[in-house]
Amino acid sequence: MMQLCQKDKERVLNAIKSGHIDAADLSLPNLIDTIVLTMKQKNLLAPLEDCLEDKRSDNKKIPFEILLTLAITAKLKLKFLSL
């Protein structure tokens, strides 16, 4: 799962001071998600898409890039679980 957040520290602090927010939870991003997002930002996933051939004959509604990202994420999770 990917987590997208927009940081607006000033607005949150104002909401806490005015009493609109009375509790908050700290959520740390998953290490694997961080790795995959960094790979995407540094454009490391695009060369993989060029190197690997899409052999699907049907059901091409899901973009190949997303399938590769999901496969990488699943493989990383397997590796981290086996440590």
C-alpha atoms as a PDB file:
ATOM      1  CA  MET A   1       0.000   0.000   0.000  1.00  0.00           C
ATOM      2  CA  MET A   2       1.285   3.428  -0.831  1.00  0.00           C
ATOM      3  CA  GLN A   3       0.695   6.287   1.530  1.00  0.00           C
ATOM      4  CA  LEU A   4       0.376   9.798   0.216  1.00  0.00           C
ATOM      5  CA  CYS A   5       0.410  12.727   2.629  1.00  0.00           C
ATOM      6  CA  GLN A   6       0.354  16.450   2.211  1.00  0.00           C
ATOM      7  CA  LYS A   7       2.315  18.234   4.892  1.00  0.00           C
ATOM      8  CA  ASP A   8       0.756  21.418   6.185  1.00  0.00           C
ATOM      9  CA  LYS A   9       2.332  21.893   9.589  1.00  0.00           C
ATOM     10  CA  GLU A  10       1.047  25.409  10.171  1.00  0.00           C
ATOM     11  CA  ARG A  11      -2.585  24.486   9.517  1.00  0.00           C
ATOM     12  CA  VAL A  12      -2.350  21.447  11.802  1.00  0.00           C
ATOM     13  CA  LEU A  13      -0.785  23.480  14.608  1.00  0.00           C
ATOM     14  CA  ASN A  14      -3.523  26.105  14.285  1.00  0.00           C
ATOM     15  CA  ALA A  15      -6.187  23.382  14.440  1.00  0.00           C
ATOM     16  CA  ILE A  16      -4.604  21.944  17.596  1.00  0.00           C
ATOM     17  CA  LYS A  17      -4.413  25.381  19.234  1.00  0.00           C
ATOM     18  CA  SER A  18      -8.028  26.174  18.390  1.00  0.00           C
ATOM     19  CA  GLY A  19      -9.217  22.818  19.727  1.00  0.00           C
ATOM     20  CA  HIS A  20     -10.380  21.299  16.441  1.00  0.00           C
ATOM     21  CA  ILE A  21      -7.872  18.445  16.803  1.00  0.00           C
ATOM     22  CA  ASP A  22      -7.661  16.780  20.189  1.00  0.00           C
ATOM     23  CA  ALA A  23      -5.680  13.633  19.318  1.00  0.00           C
ATOM     24  CA  ALA A  24      -3.238  12.535  16.660  1.00  0.00           C
ATOM     25  CA  ASP A  25      -1.501   9.332  15.643  1.00  0.00           C
ATOM     26  CA  LEU A  26       2.008   9.178  14.281  1.00  0.00           C
ATOM     27  CA  SER A  27       2.250   6.957  11.231  1.00  0.00           C
ATOM     28  CA  LEU A  28       5.678   5.990   9.980  1.00  0.00           C
ATOM     29  CA  PRO A  29       5.883   4.933   6.333  1.00  0.00           C
ATOM     30  CA  ASN A  30       6.735   1.377   5.547  1.00  0.00           C
ATOM     31  CA  LEU A  31      10.385   0.837   4.595  1.00  0.00           C
ATOM     32  CA  ILE A  32       9.473  -1.082   1.459  1.00  0.00           C
ATOM     33  CA  ASP A  33       7.109   1.671   0.313  1.00  0.00           C
ATOM     34  CA  THR A  34       9.880   4.195   0.872  1.00  0.00           C
ATOM     35  CA  ILE A  35      12.287   2.106  -1.203  1.00  0.00           C
ATOM     36  CA  VAL A  36       9.814   1.752  -4.070  1.00  0.00           C
ATOM     37  CA  LEU A  37       8.920   5.456  -4.009  1.00  0.00           C
ATOM     38  CA  THR A  38      12.613   6.358  -4.082  1.00  0.00           C
ATOM     39  CA  MET A  39      13.117   4.030  -7.041  1.00  0.00           C
ATOM     40  CA  LYS A  40      10.221   5.756  -8.807  1.00  0.00           C
ATOM     41  CA  GLN A  41      11.539   9.246  -8.025  1.00  0.00           C
ATOM     42  CA  LYS A  42      15.033   8.391  -9.263  1.00  0.00           C
ATOM     43  CA  ASN A  43      13.513   6.897 -12.428  1.00  0.00           C
ATOM     44  CA  LEU A  44      14.846   3.392 -11.782  1.00  0.00           C
ATOM     45  CA  LEU A  45      11.588   1.639 -12.649  1.00  0.00           C
ATOM     46  CA  ALA A  46      11.369   2.894 -16.244  1.00  0.00           C
ATOM     47  CA  PRO A  47      14.466   0.977 -17.448  1.00  0.00           C
ATOM     48  CA  LEU A  48      12.978  -2.206 -15.996  1.00  0.00           C
ATOM     49  CA  GLU A  49       9.844  -1.638 -18.011  1.00  0.00           C
ATOM     50  CA  ASP A  50      11.973  -1.286 -21.143  1.00  0.00           C
ATOM     51  CA  CYS A  51      13.991  -4.443 -20.408  1.00  0.00           C
ATOM     52  CA  LEU A  52      11.078  -6.724 -19.629  1.00  0.00           C
ATOM     53  CA  GLU A  53       8.554  -7.724 -22.238  1.00  0.00           C
ATOM     54  CA  ASP A  54       4.837  -7.556 -21.525  1.00  0.00           C
ATOM     55  CA  LYS A  55       3.611 -10.992 -22.605  1.00  0.00           C
ATOM     56  CA  ARG A  56      -0.015 -10.550 -21.595  1.00  0.00           C
ATOM     57  CA  SER A  57      -2.424 -11.253 -24.425  1.00  0.00           C
ATOM     58  CA  ASP A  58      -5.542 -10.131 -22.561  1.00  0.00           C
ATOM     59  CA  ASN A  59      -6.373  -7.989 -19.572  1.00  0.00           C
ATOM     60  CA  LYS A  60      -4.003  -5.127 -20.245  1.00  0.00           C
ATOM     61  CA  LYS A  61      -6.140  -2.725 -18.224  1.00  0.00           C
ATOM     62  CA  ILE A  62      -3.544  -2.604 -15.454  1.00  0.00           C
ATOM     63  CA  PRO A  63      -0.472  -0.738 -16.712  1.00  0.00           C
ATOM     64  CA  PHE A  64       2.704  -2.799 -16.931  1.00  0.00           C
ATOM     65  CA  GLU A  65       4.558  -0.280 -14.746  1.00  0.00           C
ATOM     66  CA  ILE A  66       2.137  -0.906 -11.880  1.00  0.00           C
ATOM     67  CA  LEU A  67       2.519  -4.671 -12.224  1.00  0.00           C
ATOM     68  CA  LEU A  68       6.299  -4.322 -12.045  1.00  0.00           C
ATOM     69  CA  THR A  69       6.015  -2.119  -8.973  1.00  0.00           C
ATOM     70  CA  LEU A  70       3.740  -4.635  -7.272  1.00  0.00           C
ATOM     71  CA  ALA A  71       6.106  -7.478  -8.139  1.00  0.00           C
ATOM     72  CA  ILE A  72       9.092  -5.593  -6.714  1.00  0.00           C
ATOM     73  CA  THR A  73       7.149  -4.764  -3.562  1.00  0.00           C
ATOM     74  CA  ALA A  74       6.089  -8.389  -3.091  1.00  0.00           C
ATOM     75  CA  LYS A  75       9.641  -9.633  -3.607  1.00  0.00           C
ATOM     76  CA  LEU A  76      11.028  -7.125  -1.109  1.00  0.00           C
ATOM     77  CA  LYS A  77       8.414  -8.167   1.452  1.00  0.00           C
ATOM     78  CA  LEU A  78       9.399 -11.810   1.010  1.00  0.00           C
ATOM     79  CA  LYS A  79      13.064 -10.938   1.468  1.00  0.00           C
ATOM     80  CA  PHE A  80      12.422  -8.847   4.575  1.00  0.00           C
ATOM     81  CA  LEU A  81      10.223 -11.540   6.120  1.00  0.00           C
ATOM     82  CA  SER A  82      12.913 -14.166   5.636  1.00  0.00           C
ATOM     83  CA  LEU A  83      15.545 -12.134   7.526  1.00  0.00           C
END
